[in-house]
């Protein structure tokens, strides 16, 4: 029987904590990244990594053990078919926790827990960034396109307003002209 965790439980009883961790792990494997409190993320990390290790084994017994925790068959299939084989060459460390600051309502410290890229481990460039030069170029081009579109849009709007004003002026002149004709007849 596993030794219970010392200290306060997440949400009350041990069974509630176990179910909450199972639901968090299901969401993590379904979406690849979830936002939760730092405490829950720290408790979830070893739990989820154990499940990924079982998925890497890939045998029937491991699948049944994972299915006893994660009750969604689609997520278990995704874990064994895509996530586990993707981490085949990685000896551990399948998740990453990033702190994102306090929650707005109660100031609870929040974190994002996500699955690390399951592809081969890429080497970093000498500056420490991965392909930092290629990312800003498309973003700069997109902003230039937006500014040219915005510059053209007001020019089109003013030309569209001018005929409308002319037609309003001409209809007003027609009404005034009709009044003069009515007065003359």
N, C-alpha and C. Protein backbone atom coordinates (compact mmCIF):
# COMPACT_ATOMS: atom_id res chain seq x y z
N UNK A 1 0.85 -1.18 0.00
CA UNK A 1 0.00 0.00 0.00
C UNK A 1 0.89 1.24 0.00
N UNK A 2 0.61 2.23 -0.86
CA UNK A 2 1.46 3.42 -0.92
C UNK A 2 1.35 4.26 0.34
N UNK A 3 2.46 4.87 0.69
CA UNK A 3 2.48 5.73 1.86
C UNK A 3 1.74 7.02 1.55
N UNK A 4 0.80 7.44 2.39
CA UNK A 4 0.05 8.66 2.11
C UNK A 4 0.95 9.89 2.19
N UNK A 5 0.59 10.90 1.43
CA UNK A 5 1.37 12.14 1.42
C UNK A 5 1.18 12.85 2.75
N UNK A 6 2.26 13.40 3.25
CA UNK A 6 2.17 14.15 4.51
C UNK A 6 1.66 15.55 4.21
N UNK A 7 0.98 16.13 5.16
CA UNK A 7 0.50 17.50 4.98
C UNK A 7 -0.92 17.53 4.48
N UNK A 8 -1.35 18.73 4.13
CA UNK A 8 -2.73 18.94 3.70
C UNK A 8 -2.98 18.30 2.35
N UNK A 9 -4.18 17.80 2.17
CA UNK A 9 -4.59 17.20 0.90
C UNK A 9 -5.12 18.29 -0.02
N UNK A 10 -5.12 17.99 -1.30
CA UNK A 10 -5.73 18.91 -2.25
C UNK A 10 -7.24 18.68 -2.22
N UNK A 11 -7.98 19.54 -1.56
CA UNK A 11 -9.43 19.45 -1.59
C UNK A 11 -10.04 18.58 -0.52
N UNK A 12 -9.30 18.06 0.43
CA UNK A 12 -9.93 17.30 1.50
C UNK A 12 -9.38 15.91 1.66
N UNK A 13 -10.18 14.90 1.32
CA UNK A 13 -9.81 13.51 1.60
C UNK A 13 -8.83 12.98 0.56
N UNK A 14 -8.28 11.83 0.88
CA UNK A 14 -7.33 11.19 -0.01
C UNK A 14 -8.00 10.75 -1.31
N UNK A 15 -9.23 10.27 -1.21
CA UNK A 15 -9.92 9.83 -2.43
C UNK A 15 -10.23 11.01 -3.34
N UNK A 16 -10.57 12.15 -2.75
CA UNK A 16 -10.84 13.33 -3.56
C UNK A 16 -9.58 13.82 -4.26
N UNK A 17 -8.46 13.77 -3.55
CA UNK A 17 -7.19 14.17 -4.16
C UNK A 17 -6.82 13.24 -5.32
N UNK A 18 -7.03 11.94 -5.13
CA UNK A 18 -6.72 10.96 -6.18
C UNK A 18 -7.57 11.19 -7.42
N UNK A 19 -8.86 11.45 -7.22
CA UNK A 19 -9.74 11.71 -8.36
C UNK A 19 -9.40 13.03 -9.04
N UNK A 20 -9.04 14.05 -8.25
CA UNK A 20 -8.69 15.34 -8.83
C UNK A 20 -7.41 15.23 -9.67
N UNK A 21 -6.42 14.48 -9.18
CA UNK A 21 -5.20 14.28 -9.95
C UNK A 21 -5.47 13.49 -11.23
N UNK A 22 -6.38 12.52 -11.15
CA UNK A 22 -6.74 11.76 -12.35
C UNK A 22 -7.40 12.67 -13.38
N UNK A 23 -8.28 13.56 -12.93
CA UNK A 23 -8.94 14.49 -13.86
C UNK A 23 -7.95 15.50 -14.44
N UNK A 24 -7.02 15.98 -13.63
CA UNK A 24 -6.00 16.90 -14.13
C UNK A 24 -5.11 16.21 -15.16
N UNK A 25 -4.74 14.96 -14.89
CA UNK A 25 -3.90 14.21 -15.84
C UNK A 25 -4.66 13.97 -17.14
N UNK A 26 -5.95 13.67 -17.05
CA UNK A 26 -6.76 13.47 -18.26
C UNK A 26 -6.78 14.74 -19.10
N UNK A 27 -6.98 15.89 -18.45
CA UNK A 27 -6.99 17.16 -19.17
C UNK A 27 -5.63 17.47 -19.77
N UNK A 28 -4.56 17.16 -19.03
CA UNK A 28 -3.21 17.41 -19.54
C UNK A 28 -2.94 16.59 -20.79
N UNK A 29 -3.31 15.32 -20.79
CA UNK A 29 -3.05 14.47 -21.95
C UNK A 29 -3.98 14.81 -23.11
N UNK A 30 -5.17 15.29 -22.81
CA UNK A 30 -6.12 15.64 -23.88
C UNK A 30 -5.68 16.93 -24.58
N UNK A 31 -5.27 17.95 -23.80
CA UNK A 31 -4.98 19.27 -24.37
C UNK A 31 -3.49 19.56 -24.52
N UNK A 32 -2.64 18.83 -23.82
CA UNK A 32 -1.20 19.06 -23.92
C UNK A 32 -0.68 20.12 -22.98
N UNK A 33 -1.58 20.96 -22.46
CA UNK A 33 -1.19 22.04 -21.54
C UNK A 33 -2.42 22.47 -20.77
N UNK A 34 -2.27 22.68 -19.46
CA UNK A 34 -3.38 23.18 -18.65
C UNK A 34 -2.87 24.24 -17.70
N UNK A 35 -3.77 25.12 -17.30
CA UNK A 35 -3.46 26.16 -16.33
C UNK A 35 -4.12 25.78 -15.02
N UNK A 36 -3.34 25.75 -13.95
CA UNK A 36 -3.86 25.38 -12.64
C UNK A 36 -3.01 26.08 -11.57
N UNK A 37 -3.28 25.80 -10.31
CA UNK A 37 -2.48 26.42 -9.25
C UNK A 37 -1.12 25.72 -9.20
N UNK A 38 -0.14 26.41 -8.63
CA UNK A 38 1.21 25.84 -8.55
C UNK A 38 1.21 24.56 -7.73
N UNK A 39 0.45 24.53 -6.64
CA UNK A 39 0.42 23.35 -5.78
C UNK A 39 -0.12 22.14 -6.53
N UNK A 40 -1.21 22.33 -7.26
CA UNK A 40 -1.78 21.22 -8.03
C UNK A 40 -0.82 20.78 -9.13
N UNK A 41 -0.14 21.73 -9.76
CA UNK A 41 0.81 21.39 -10.82
C UNK A 41 1.98 20.58 -10.26
N UNK A 42 2.44 20.95 -9.08
CA UNK A 42 3.56 20.21 -8.48
C UNK A 42 3.15 18.80 -8.08
N UNK A 43 1.91 18.64 -7.63
CA UNK A 43 1.42 17.31 -7.28
C UNK A 43 1.15 16.49 -8.54
N UNK A 44 0.75 17.15 -9.62
CA UNK A 44 0.40 16.44 -10.86
C UNK A 44 1.63 15.94 -11.61
N UNK A 45 2.73 16.65 -11.52
CA UNK A 45 3.91 16.31 -12.33
C UNK A 45 4.38 14.87 -12.16
N UNK A 46 4.70 14.37 -10.94
CA UNK A 46 5.15 12.98 -10.85
C UNK A 46 4.06 11.97 -11.21
N UNK A 47 2.82 12.33 -10.93
CA UNK A 47 1.68 11.46 -11.25
C UNK A 47 1.58 11.26 -12.77
N UNK A 48 1.64 12.35 -13.52
CA UNK A 48 1.54 12.29 -14.98
C UNK A 48 2.76 11.62 -15.59
N UNK A 49 3.94 11.88 -15.04
CA UNK A 49 5.15 11.29 -15.61
C UNK A 49 5.18 9.78 -15.41
N UNK A 50 4.61 9.29 -14.32
CA UNK A 50 4.50 7.85 -14.13
C UNK A 50 3.60 7.22 -15.20
N UNK A 51 2.51 7.93 -15.53
CA UNK A 51 1.60 7.43 -16.56
C UNK A 51 2.26 7.41 -17.94
N UNK A 52 3.06 8.44 -18.23
CA UNK A 52 3.77 8.48 -19.52
C UNK A 52 4.79 7.35 -19.59
N UNK A 53 5.45 7.06 -18.48
CA UNK A 53 6.42 5.97 -18.45
C UNK A 53 5.73 4.63 -18.73
N UNK A 54 4.53 4.46 -18.16
CA UNK A 54 3.78 3.23 -18.45
C UNK A 54 3.35 3.19 -19.91
N UNK A 55 3.01 4.34 -20.47
CA UNK A 55 2.62 4.39 -21.88
C UNK A 55 3.81 4.07 -22.79
N UNK A 56 5.01 4.42 -22.37
CA UNK A 56 6.20 4.08 -23.15
C UNK A 56 6.40 2.57 -23.20
N UNK A 57 6.06 1.87 -22.10
CA UNK A 57 6.16 0.41 -22.10
C UNK A 57 5.22 -0.18 -23.14
N UNK A 58 3.98 0.28 -23.14
CA UNK A 58 3.05 -0.07 -24.19
C UNK A 58 2.42 -1.44 -24.14
N UNK A 59 2.66 -2.25 -23.09
CA UNK A 59 2.06 -3.57 -23.05
C UNK A 59 0.65 -3.52 -22.45
N UNK A 60 -0.02 -4.64 -22.47
CA UNK A 60 -1.42 -4.71 -22.03
C UNK A 60 -1.56 -4.39 -20.54
N UNK A 61 -0.64 -4.89 -19.74
CA UNK A 61 -0.72 -4.63 -18.30
C UNK A 61 -0.58 -3.14 -18.00
N UNK A 62 0.34 -2.47 -18.67
CA UNK A 62 0.51 -1.03 -18.48
C UNK A 62 -0.74 -0.28 -18.92
N UNK A 63 -1.34 -0.70 -20.04
CA UNK A 63 -2.56 -0.05 -20.53
C UNK A 63 -3.69 -0.20 -19.51
N UNK A 64 -3.82 -1.37 -18.91
CA UNK A 64 -4.86 -1.58 -17.90
C UNK A 64 -4.61 -0.77 -16.65
N UNK A 65 -3.34 -0.65 -16.25
CA UNK A 65 -3.02 0.18 -15.08
C UNK A 65 -3.37 1.64 -15.35
N UNK A 66 -3.04 2.15 -16.52
CA UNK A 66 -3.35 3.54 -16.86
C UNK A 66 -4.85 3.73 -16.97
N UNK A 67 -5.54 2.74 -17.53
CA UNK A 67 -6.99 2.85 -17.69
C UNK A 67 -7.70 2.83 -16.34
N UNK A 68 -7.09 2.25 -15.31
CA UNK A 68 -7.70 2.28 -13.98
C UNK A 68 -7.64 3.68 -13.38
N UNK A 69 -6.70 4.50 -13.85
CA UNK A 69 -6.58 5.89 -13.37
C UNK A 69 -7.33 6.83 -14.28
N UNK A 70 -7.07 6.75 -15.57
CA UNK A 70 -7.71 7.62 -16.55
C UNK A 70 -8.84 6.82 -17.19
N UNK A 71 -10.06 7.23 -16.95
CA UNK A 71 -11.21 6.43 -17.37
C UNK A 71 -11.73 6.78 -18.76
N UNK A 72 -11.09 7.68 -19.45
CA UNK A 72 -11.49 8.06 -20.80
C UNK A 72 -10.68 7.24 -21.81
N UNK A 73 -11.35 6.36 -22.54
CA UNK A 73 -10.65 5.47 -23.47
C UNK A 73 -9.92 6.23 -24.56
N UNK A 74 -10.51 7.33 -25.03
CA UNK A 74 -9.88 8.12 -26.10
C UNK A 74 -8.56 8.72 -25.63
N UNK A 75 -8.51 9.21 -24.39
CA UNK A 75 -7.28 9.79 -23.86
C UNK A 75 -6.24 8.71 -23.64
N UNK A 76 -6.67 7.53 -23.16
CA UNK A 76 -5.72 6.42 -22.98
C UNK A 76 -5.14 6.01 -24.33
N UNK A 77 -5.98 5.97 -25.35
CA UNK A 77 -5.49 5.62 -26.69
C UNK A 77 -4.48 6.66 -27.18
N UNK A 78 -4.80 7.95 -26.99
CA UNK A 78 -3.87 9.02 -27.39
C UNK A 78 -2.55 8.90 -26.65
N UNK A 79 -2.63 8.59 -25.35
CA UNK A 79 -1.43 8.45 -24.53
C UNK A 79 -0.55 7.31 -25.04
N UNK A 80 -1.15 6.18 -25.38
CA UNK A 80 -0.36 5.02 -25.81
C UNK A 80 0.03 5.09 -27.28
N UNK A 81 -0.78 5.74 -28.11
CA UNK A 81 -0.49 5.76 -29.54
C UNK A 81 0.41 6.92 -29.96
N UNK A 82 0.29 8.08 -29.29
CA UNK A 82 1.03 9.27 -29.72
C UNK A 82 2.03 9.77 -28.68
N UNK A 83 1.57 9.97 -27.46
CA UNK A 83 2.43 10.61 -26.45
C UNK A 83 3.55 9.68 -26.01
N UNK A 84 3.23 8.45 -25.64
CA UNK A 84 4.24 7.50 -25.18
C UNK A 84 5.34 7.25 -26.20
N UNK A 85 4.99 6.88 -27.45
CA UNK A 85 6.03 6.66 -28.46
C UNK A 85 6.82 7.94 -28.78
N UNK A 86 6.23 9.08 -28.62
CA UNK A 86 6.95 10.33 -28.88
C UNK A 86 8.05 10.59 -27.88
N UNK A 87 7.89 10.06 -26.67
CA UNK A 87 8.90 10.23 -25.62
C UNK A 87 9.81 9.01 -25.50
N UNK A 88 9.84 8.15 -26.50
CA UNK A 88 10.58 6.89 -26.43
C UNK A 88 12.07 7.11 -26.13
N UNK A 89 12.68 8.12 -26.73
CA UNK A 89 14.12 8.34 -26.54
C UNK A 89 14.42 9.23 -25.34
N UNK A 90 13.41 9.71 -24.67
CA UNK A 90 13.61 10.63 -23.54
C UNK A 90 13.57 9.84 -22.23
N UNK A 91 14.59 9.97 -21.37
CA UNK A 91 14.63 9.16 -20.15
C UNK A 91 13.76 9.68 -19.00
N UNK A 92 13.12 10.78 -19.16
CA UNK A 92 12.28 11.34 -18.09
C UNK A 92 12.07 12.82 -18.34
N UNK A 93 11.39 13.49 -17.41
CA UNK A 93 11.16 14.92 -17.57
C UNK A 93 10.22 15.22 -18.70
N UNK A 94 9.03 14.63 -18.67
CA UNK A 94 8.09 14.77 -19.77
C UNK A 94 7.22 16.02 -19.65
N UNK A 95 7.22 16.64 -18.48
CA UNK A 95 6.37 17.82 -18.26
C UNK A 95 7.21 19.02 -17.86
N UNK A 96 6.63 20.19 -18.07
CA UNK A 96 7.28 21.46 -17.71
C UNK A 96 6.27 22.31 -16.97
N UNK A 97 6.70 22.92 -15.86
CA UNK A 97 5.83 23.82 -15.10
C UNK A 97 6.38 25.24 -15.25
N UNK A 98 5.51 26.16 -15.66
CA UNK A 98 5.89 27.56 -15.82
C UNK A 98 4.96 28.41 -14.96
N UNK A 99 5.54 29.21 -14.07
CA UNK A 99 4.72 30.07 -13.23
C UNK A 99 4.22 31.26 -14.05
N UNK A 100 2.95 31.61 -13.87
CA UNK A 100 2.38 32.71 -14.68
C UNK A 100 1.84 33.86 -13.84
N UNK A 101 2.01 33.83 -12.54
CA UNK A 101 1.56 34.94 -11.71
C UNK A 101 0.29 34.60 -10.95
N UNK A 102 -0.18 35.52 -10.13
CA UNK A 102 -1.34 35.24 -9.28
C UNK A 102 -2.66 35.29 -10.05
N UNK A 103 -3.64 34.55 -9.53
CA UNK A 103 -4.99 34.55 -10.09
C UNK A 103 -5.69 35.82 -9.65
N UNK A 104 -6.55 36.34 -10.50
CA UNK A 104 -7.16 37.64 -10.27
C UNK A 104 -8.09 37.65 -9.05
N UNK A 105 -8.90 36.63 -8.87
CA UNK A 105 -9.91 36.67 -7.81
C UNK A 105 -9.36 36.52 -6.41
N UNK A 106 -8.51 35.49 -6.18
CA UNK A 106 -8.06 35.20 -4.83
C UNK A 106 -6.55 35.27 -4.66
N UNK A 107 -5.84 35.73 -5.67
CA UNK A 107 -4.39 35.92 -5.62
C UNK A 107 -3.63 34.60 -5.43
N UNK A 108 -4.22 33.49 -5.84
CA UNK A 108 -3.54 32.20 -5.75
C UNK A 108 -2.46 32.11 -6.82
N UNK A 109 -1.28 31.61 -6.48
CA UNK A 109 -0.22 31.50 -7.49
C UNK A 109 -0.58 30.47 -8.55
N UNK A 110 -0.54 30.87 -9.80
CA UNK A 110 -0.95 30.03 -10.92
C UNK A 110 0.27 29.55 -11.71
N UNK A 111 0.09 28.44 -12.40
CA UNK A 111 1.16 27.88 -13.22
C UNK A 111 0.54 27.16 -14.41
N UNK A 112 1.35 27.02 -15.45
CA UNK A 112 0.96 26.24 -16.62
C UNK A 112 1.81 24.98 -16.60
N UNK A 113 1.16 23.84 -16.65
CA UNK A 113 1.90 22.57 -16.77
C UNK A 113 1.62 22.04 -18.16
N UNK A 114 2.68 21.67 -18.87
CA UNK A 114 2.54 21.23 -20.25
C UNK A 114 3.47 20.07 -20.54
N UNK A 115 3.12 19.32 -21.55
CA UNK A 115 3.99 18.25 -22.00
C UNK A 115 5.13 18.86 -22.80
N UNK A 116 6.34 18.41 -22.53
CA UNK A 116 7.51 18.89 -23.26
C UNK A 116 7.40 18.36 -24.68
N UNK A 117 8.01 19.04 -25.63
CA UNK A 117 7.96 18.60 -27.03
C UNK A 117 8.39 17.15 -27.11
N UNK A 118 7.56 16.36 -27.75
CA UNK A 118 7.82 14.92 -27.77
C UNK A 118 8.76 14.49 -28.88
N UNK A 119 9.19 15.44 -29.71
CA UNK A 119 10.12 15.12 -30.78
C UNK A 119 11.53 14.94 -30.23
N UNK A 120 12.50 14.80 -31.11
CA UNK A 120 13.87 14.68 -30.65
C UNK A 120 14.33 15.96 -29.98
N UNK A 121 15.22 15.82 -29.03
CA UNK A 121 15.71 16.97 -28.29
C UNK A 121 16.59 17.80 -29.22
N UNK A 122 16.23 19.08 -29.39
CA UNK A 122 16.98 19.94 -30.31
C UNK A 122 18.10 20.64 -29.55
N UNK A 123 19.20 20.87 -30.25
CA UNK A 123 20.31 21.57 -29.62
C UNK A 123 20.06 23.07 -29.72
N UNK A 124 20.53 23.79 -28.75
CA UNK A 124 20.33 25.24 -28.73
C UNK A 124 21.42 25.94 -29.53
N UNK A 125 21.06 27.11 -30.05
CA UNK A 125 22.05 27.89 -30.78
C UNK A 125 23.00 28.54 -29.77
N UNK A 126 24.14 29.09 -30.22
CA UNK A 126 25.09 29.68 -29.28
C UNK A 126 24.49 30.79 -28.42
N UNK A 127 23.49 31.51 -28.93
CA UNK A 127 22.91 32.59 -28.14
C UNK A 127 21.93 32.06 -27.09
N UNK A 128 21.55 30.79 -27.19
CA UNK A 128 20.65 30.20 -26.21
C UNK A 128 19.20 30.16 -26.66
N UNK A 129 18.88 30.80 -27.77
CA UNK A 129 17.51 30.81 -28.27
C UNK A 129 17.38 29.84 -29.43
N UNK A 130 16.19 29.24 -29.54
CA UNK A 130 15.94 28.35 -30.66
C UNK A 130 15.32 29.15 -31.79
N UNK A 131 16.00 29.28 -32.88
CA UNK A 131 15.49 29.92 -34.10
C UNK A 131 14.83 31.26 -33.80
N UNK A 132 15.50 32.11 -33.07
CA UNK A 132 14.93 33.40 -32.69
C UNK A 132 14.87 34.35 -33.89
N UNK A 133 15.72 34.14 -34.89
CA UNK A 133 15.73 35.06 -36.02
C UNK A 133 14.58 34.82 -36.98
N UNK A 134 14.04 33.61 -37.03
CA UNK A 134 12.98 33.34 -38.00
C UNK A 134 11.61 33.78 -37.50
N UNK A 135 11.38 33.83 -36.21
CA UNK A 135 10.06 34.16 -35.68
C UNK A 135 9.66 35.62 -35.90
N UNK A 136 10.52 36.63 -35.64
CA UNK A 136 10.06 38.00 -35.78
C UNK A 136 9.78 38.42 -37.22
N UNK A 137 10.42 37.82 -38.21
CA UNK A 137 10.24 38.24 -39.59
C UNK A 137 8.79 38.11 -40.06
N UNK A 138 8.10 36.99 -39.88
CA UNK A 138 6.70 36.92 -40.30
C UNK A 138 5.81 37.88 -39.50
N UNK A 139 6.12 38.09 -38.24
CA UNK A 139 5.31 38.99 -37.44
C UNK A 139 5.46 40.43 -37.95
N UNK A 140 6.68 40.81 -38.34
CA UNK A 140 6.90 42.15 -38.85
C UNK A 140 6.18 42.34 -40.19
N UNK A 141 6.20 41.32 -41.02
CA UNK A 141 5.52 41.40 -42.31
C UNK A 141 4.01 41.53 -42.12
N UNK A 142 3.48 40.83 -41.13
CA UNK A 142 2.04 40.89 -40.86
C UNK A 142 1.64 42.27 -40.38
N UNK A 143 2.47 42.91 -39.55
CA UNK A 143 2.13 44.24 -39.07
C UNK A 143 2.21 45.27 -40.18
N UNK A 144 3.16 45.08 -41.11
CA UNK A 144 3.24 46.00 -42.25
C UNK A 144 2.00 45.89 -43.12
N UNK A 145 1.52 44.66 -43.33
CA UNK A 145 0.31 44.47 -44.14
C UNK A 145 -0.89 45.10 -43.47
N UNK A 146 -0.97 44.98 -42.13
CA UNK A 146 -2.10 45.56 -41.41
C UNK A 146 -2.08 47.09 -41.50
N UNK A 147 -0.89 47.69 -41.40
CA UNK A 147 -0.82 49.15 -41.45
C UNK A 147 -1.17 49.66 -42.84
N UNK A 148 -0.75 48.93 -43.89
CA UNK A 148 -1.11 49.39 -45.23
C UNK A 148 -2.61 49.21 -45.47
N UNK A 149 -3.18 48.15 -44.94
CA UNK A 149 -4.62 47.94 -45.09
C UNK A 149 -5.39 49.02 -44.34
N UNK A 150 -4.93 49.36 -43.12
CA UNK A 150 -5.59 50.41 -42.34
C UNK A 150 -5.45 51.77 -43.03
N UNK A 151 -4.30 52.02 -43.66
CA UNK A 151 -4.10 53.30 -44.33
C UNK A 151 -5.02 53.40 -45.55
N UNK A 152 -5.26 52.28 -46.23
CA UNK A 152 -6.13 52.30 -47.39
C UNK A 152 -7.60 52.37 -46.98
N UNK A 153 -7.96 51.78 -45.87
CA UNK A 153 -9.36 51.72 -45.45
C UNK A 153 -9.94 53.11 -45.18
N UNK A 154 -9.26 54.03 -44.44
CA UNK A 154 -9.85 55.35 -44.23
C UNK A 154 -9.98 56.13 -45.54
N UNK A 155 -9.05 55.93 -46.47
CA UNK A 155 -9.15 56.63 -47.75
C UNK A 155 -10.39 56.17 -48.50
N UNK A 156 -10.71 54.90 -48.41
CA UNK A 156 -11.90 54.38 -49.07
C UNK A 156 -13.15 54.88 -48.36
N UNK A 157 -13.10 55.00 -47.03
CA UNK A 157 -14.26 55.45 -46.28
C UNK A 157 -14.61 56.90 -46.62
N UNK A 158 -13.60 57.75 -46.75
CA UNK A 158 -13.88 59.15 -47.05
C UNK A 158 -14.45 59.30 -48.44
N UNK A 159 -13.98 58.49 -49.39
CA UNK A 159 -14.53 58.57 -50.74
C UNK A 159 -15.96 58.03 -50.76
N UNK A 160 -16.26 57.09 -49.88
CA UNK A 160 -17.62 56.55 -49.82
C UNK A 160 -18.58 57.56 -49.20
N UNK A 161 -18.09 58.38 -48.27
CA UNK A 161 -18.95 59.36 -47.62
C UNK A 161 -19.26 60.54 -48.55
N UNK A 162 -18.33 60.89 -49.41
CA UNK A 162 -18.51 62.04 -50.28
C UNK A 162 -19.70 61.87 -51.21
N UNK A 163 -19.90 60.77 -51.92
CA UNK A 163 -21.09 60.65 -52.77
C UNK A 163 -22.37 60.65 -51.94
N UNK A 164 -22.35 60.11 -50.76
CA UNK A 164 -23.55 60.09 -49.93
C UNK A 164 -23.93 61.52 -49.54
N UNK A 165 -22.93 62.33 -49.24
CA UNK A 165 -23.22 63.72 -48.89
C UNK A 165 -23.73 64.46 -50.12
N UNK A 166 -23.14 64.18 -51.29
CA UNK A 166 -23.60 64.83 -52.51
C UNK A 166 -25.05 64.48 -52.80
N UNK A 167 -25.41 63.21 -52.63
CA UNK A 167 -26.79 62.81 -52.91
C UNK A 167 -27.73 63.43 -51.88
N UNK A 168 -27.27 63.58 -50.62
CA UNK A 168 -28.11 64.21 -49.61
C UNK A 168 -28.29 65.69 -49.95
N UNK A 169 -27.22 66.34 -50.42
CA UNK A 169 -27.32 67.75 -50.80
C UNK A 169 -28.25 67.91 -52.00
N UNK A 170 -28.14 67.00 -52.98
CA UNK A 170 -28.98 67.12 -54.16
C UNK A 170 -30.44 66.84 -53.83
N UNK A 171 -30.70 65.88 -52.91
CA UNK A 171 -32.09 65.62 -52.54
C UNK A 171 -32.65 66.79 -51.75
N UNK A 172 -31.81 67.42 -50.96
CA UNK A 172 -32.25 68.61 -50.23
C UNK A 172 -32.54 69.75 -51.20
N UNK A 173 -31.75 69.88 -52.26
CA UNK A 173 -31.95 70.93 -53.25
C UNK A 173 -33.22 70.65 -54.05
N UNK A 174 -33.47 69.35 -54.31
CA UNK A 174 -34.68 69.00 -55.04
C UNK A 174 -35.91 69.35 -54.23
N UNK A 175 -35.82 69.07 -52.91
CA UNK A 175 -36.96 69.39 -52.06
C UNK A 175 -37.18 70.90 -52.01
N UNK A 176 -36.09 71.65 -51.95
CA UNK A 176 -36.22 73.11 -51.91
C UNK A 176 -36.75 73.61 -53.25
N UNK A 177 -36.27 72.98 -54.34
CA UNK A 177 -36.74 73.36 -55.67
C UNK A 177 -38.21 73.05 -55.84
N UNK A 178 -38.67 71.91 -55.30
CA UNK A 178 -40.08 71.55 -55.41
C UNK A 178 -40.95 72.55 -54.66
N UNK A 179 -40.41 73.01 -53.54
CA UNK A 179 -41.16 73.99 -52.75
C UNK A 179 -41.31 75.29 -53.52
N UNK A 180 -40.25 75.67 -54.25
CA UNK A 180 -40.33 76.90 -55.04
C UNK A 180 -41.31 76.73 -56.17
N UNK A 181 -41.31 75.56 -56.80
CA UNK A 181 -42.24 75.33 -57.91
C UNK A 181 -43.68 75.32 -57.40
N UNK A 182 -43.89 74.76 -56.21
CA UNK A 182 -45.24 74.73 -55.66
C UNK A 182 -45.72 76.14 -55.36
N UNK A 183 -44.76 76.97 -54.89
CA UNK A 183 -45.13 78.35 -54.57
C UNK A 183 -45.44 79.15 -55.82
N UNK A 184 -44.78 78.83 -56.93
CA UNK A 184 -44.98 79.57 -58.16
C UNK A 184 -46.27 79.12 -58.86
N UNK A 185 -46.69 77.91 -58.72
CA UNK A 185 -47.82 77.47 -59.48
C UNK A 185 -49.14 77.81 -58.85
